Amino acid sequence: MAPRAIQKGVRQSARKVRLVVDTIRGKNVNEAYALLRFSKKRAARQIEKVLRSAVANAEQDADRESRAFDVDDLYVSYAIANEGETLWRWRPAAYGRATPIRKRMSTIEIRVEPKEEK
């Protein structure tokens, strides 16, 4: 199985995170770093952390198996942002009622694999 990294409980909705995740899926790792570094989206910082963790996990797997490791050969094979838990908060409304505020969270998963030569 490909080395992966998962971050749960990212305090941003999955819909907003998916906009950034879709830009790096299938890209070379160095290109993905560049896209995330210069993105204006807030989610890019969290996704960059997960990507760095996935690359570190790939390096650890290579060391454990005594294989050669080169970061330049890696690409993002799988990147997804799913919905996480939702925090429910309540806001006062007219006539003594309360209206809900949903603070949504997301889960980010990224897998990296070495590019295979054909």
Protein backbone atom coordinates (compact mmCIF):
# COMPACT_ATOMS: atom_id res chain seq x y z
CA MET A 1 0.00 0.00 0.00
CA ALA A 2 1.20 3.49 -0.81
CA PRO A 3 2.52 5.67 2.03
CA ARG A 4 -0.22 7.94 3.28
CA ALA A 5 -1.00 10.65 5.80
CA ILE A 6 -4.35 11.56 7.32
CA GLN A 7 -5.32 14.68 9.24
CA LYS A 8 -8.65 14.68 11.04
CA GLY A 9 -10.50 17.61 12.52
CA VAL A 10 -9.36 20.37 10.15
CA ARG A 11 -11.46 23.36 11.14
CA GLN A 12 -12.69 24.18 7.67
CA SER A 13 -15.51 22.75 5.62
CA ALA A 14 -14.70 19.90 3.25
CA ARG A 15 -16.17 21.85 0.36
CA LYS A 16 -13.55 24.59 0.73
CA VAL A 17 -10.71 22.13 1.28
CA ARG A 18 -11.65 20.13 -1.84
CA LEU A 19 -10.99 23.18 -4.02
CA VAL A 20 -7.31 23.03 -3.09
CA VAL A 21 -7.02 19.23 -2.94
CA ASP A 22 -8.30 18.95 -6.51
CA THR A 23 -5.44 21.15 -7.77
CA ILE A 24 -2.66 18.86 -6.46
CA ARG A 25 -4.13 15.44 -7.25
CA GLY A 26 -1.96 13.62 -9.82
CA LYS A 27 0.83 16.22 -9.70
CA ASN A 28 4.51 15.70 -8.94
CA VAL A 29 5.27 16.31 -5.24
CA ASN A 30 7.55 19.29 -5.95
CA GLU A 31 4.92 20.85 -8.19
CA ALA A 32 2.28 20.26 -5.51
CA TYR A 33 4.49 21.99 -2.92
CA ALA A 34 4.80 25.00 -5.22
CA LEU A 35 1.05 25.17 -5.85
CA LEU A 36 0.28 24.97 -2.14
CA ARG A 37 2.98 27.44 -1.13
CA PHE A 38 1.64 30.19 -3.38
CA SER A 39 -2.06 29.47 -3.03
CA LYS A 40 -4.14 32.16 -1.34
CA LYS A 41 -6.57 29.63 0.14
CA ARG A 42 -6.42 29.02 3.89
CA ALA A 43 -6.72 25.26 3.41
CA ALA A 44 -3.44 25.14 1.48
CA ARG A 45 -1.38 25.35 4.67
CA GLN A 46 -3.09 22.34 6.25
CA ILE A 47 -2.85 20.33 3.03
CA GLU A 48 0.86 21.14 2.76
CA LYS A 49 1.41 19.73 6.26
CA VAL A 50 -0.36 16.51 5.31
CA LEU A 51 1.65 16.24 2.08
CA ARG A 52 4.93 16.71 3.96
CA SER A 53 3.87 13.98 6.38
CA ALA A 54 3.06 11.59 3.53
CA VAL A 55 6.48 12.21 1.94
CA ALA A 56 8.17 11.62 5.30
CA ASN A 57 6.23 8.37 5.67
CA ALA A 58 7.40 7.30 2.20
CA GLU A 59 11.00 8.05 3.21
CA GLN A 60 10.62 5.99 6.38
CA ASP A 61 9.19 3.07 4.40
CA ALA A 62 12.13 3.22 2.00
CA ASP A 63 14.62 3.25 4.90
CA ARG A 64 12.86 0.34 6.57
CA GLU A 65 13.03 -1.74 3.37
CA SER A 66 16.56 -0.54 2.43
CA ARG A 67 15.39 0.91 -0.88
CA ALA A 68 16.69 3.97 -2.70
CA PHE A 69 14.53 7.03 -2.12
CA ASP A 70 14.17 10.11 -4.30
CA VAL A 71 11.56 12.77 -3.57
CA ASP A 72 11.61 13.89 -7.21
CA ASP A 73 10.11 10.55 -8.30
CA LEU A 74 7.03 10.84 -6.06
CA TYR A 75 3.63 12.05 -7.17
CA VAL A 76 0.30 12.52 -5.41
CA SER A 77 -1.61 9.40 -6.36
CA TYR A 78 -4.61 9.90 -4.07
CA ALA A 79 -5.84 13.06 -2.38
CA ILE A 80 -9.27 13.47 -0.87
CA ALA A 81 -11.09 15.69 1.63
CA ASN A 82 -14.11 14.20 3.40
CA GLU A 83 -16.52 15.66 5.90
CA GLY A 84 -15.55 15.32 9.54
CA GLU A 85 -17.50 16.02 12.69
CA THR A 86 -19.77 19.02 12.95
CA LEU A 87 -19.76 21.24 16.01
CA TRP A 88 -23.22 22.47 16.84
CA ARG A 89 -23.46 25.93 18.37
CA TRP A 90 -26.62 27.87 19.10
CA ARG A 91 -27.44 31.50 18.44
CA PRO A 92 -30.31 33.41 20.05
CA ALA A 93 -33.21 34.24 17.74
CA ALA A 94 -36.42 36.21 18.00
CA TYR A 95 -39.22 35.18 20.38
CA GLY A 96 -36.88 33.28 22.70
CA ARG A 97 -35.91 30.68 20.12
CA ALA A 98 -32.44 29.44 19.19
CA THR A 99 -31.08 28.84 15.71
CA PRO A 100 -28.25 26.39 15.03
CA ILE A 101 -24.77 27.30 13.79
CA ARG A 102 -22.90 24.39 12.22
CA LYS A 103 -19.12 24.60 12.43
CA ARG A 104 -17.99 22.01 9.94
CA MET A 105 -14.72 20.09 9.98
CA SER A 106 -13.00 17.92 7.42
CA THR A 107 -10.60 15.00 7.10
CA ILE A 108 -7.72 15.14 4.60
CA GLU A 109 -6.01 12.01 3.25
CA ILE A 110 -3.05 12.05 0.87
CA ARG A 111 -1.12 9.11 -0.63
CA VAL A 112 2.12 9.37 -2.59
CA GLU A 113 3.70 6.82 -4.91
CA PRO A 114 6.86 6.71 -7.01
CA LYS A 115 6.37 7.40 -10.69
CA GLU A 116 6.91 4.24 -12.70
CA GLU A 117 8.92 4.44 -15.89
CA LYS A 118 7.27 2.95 -18.99
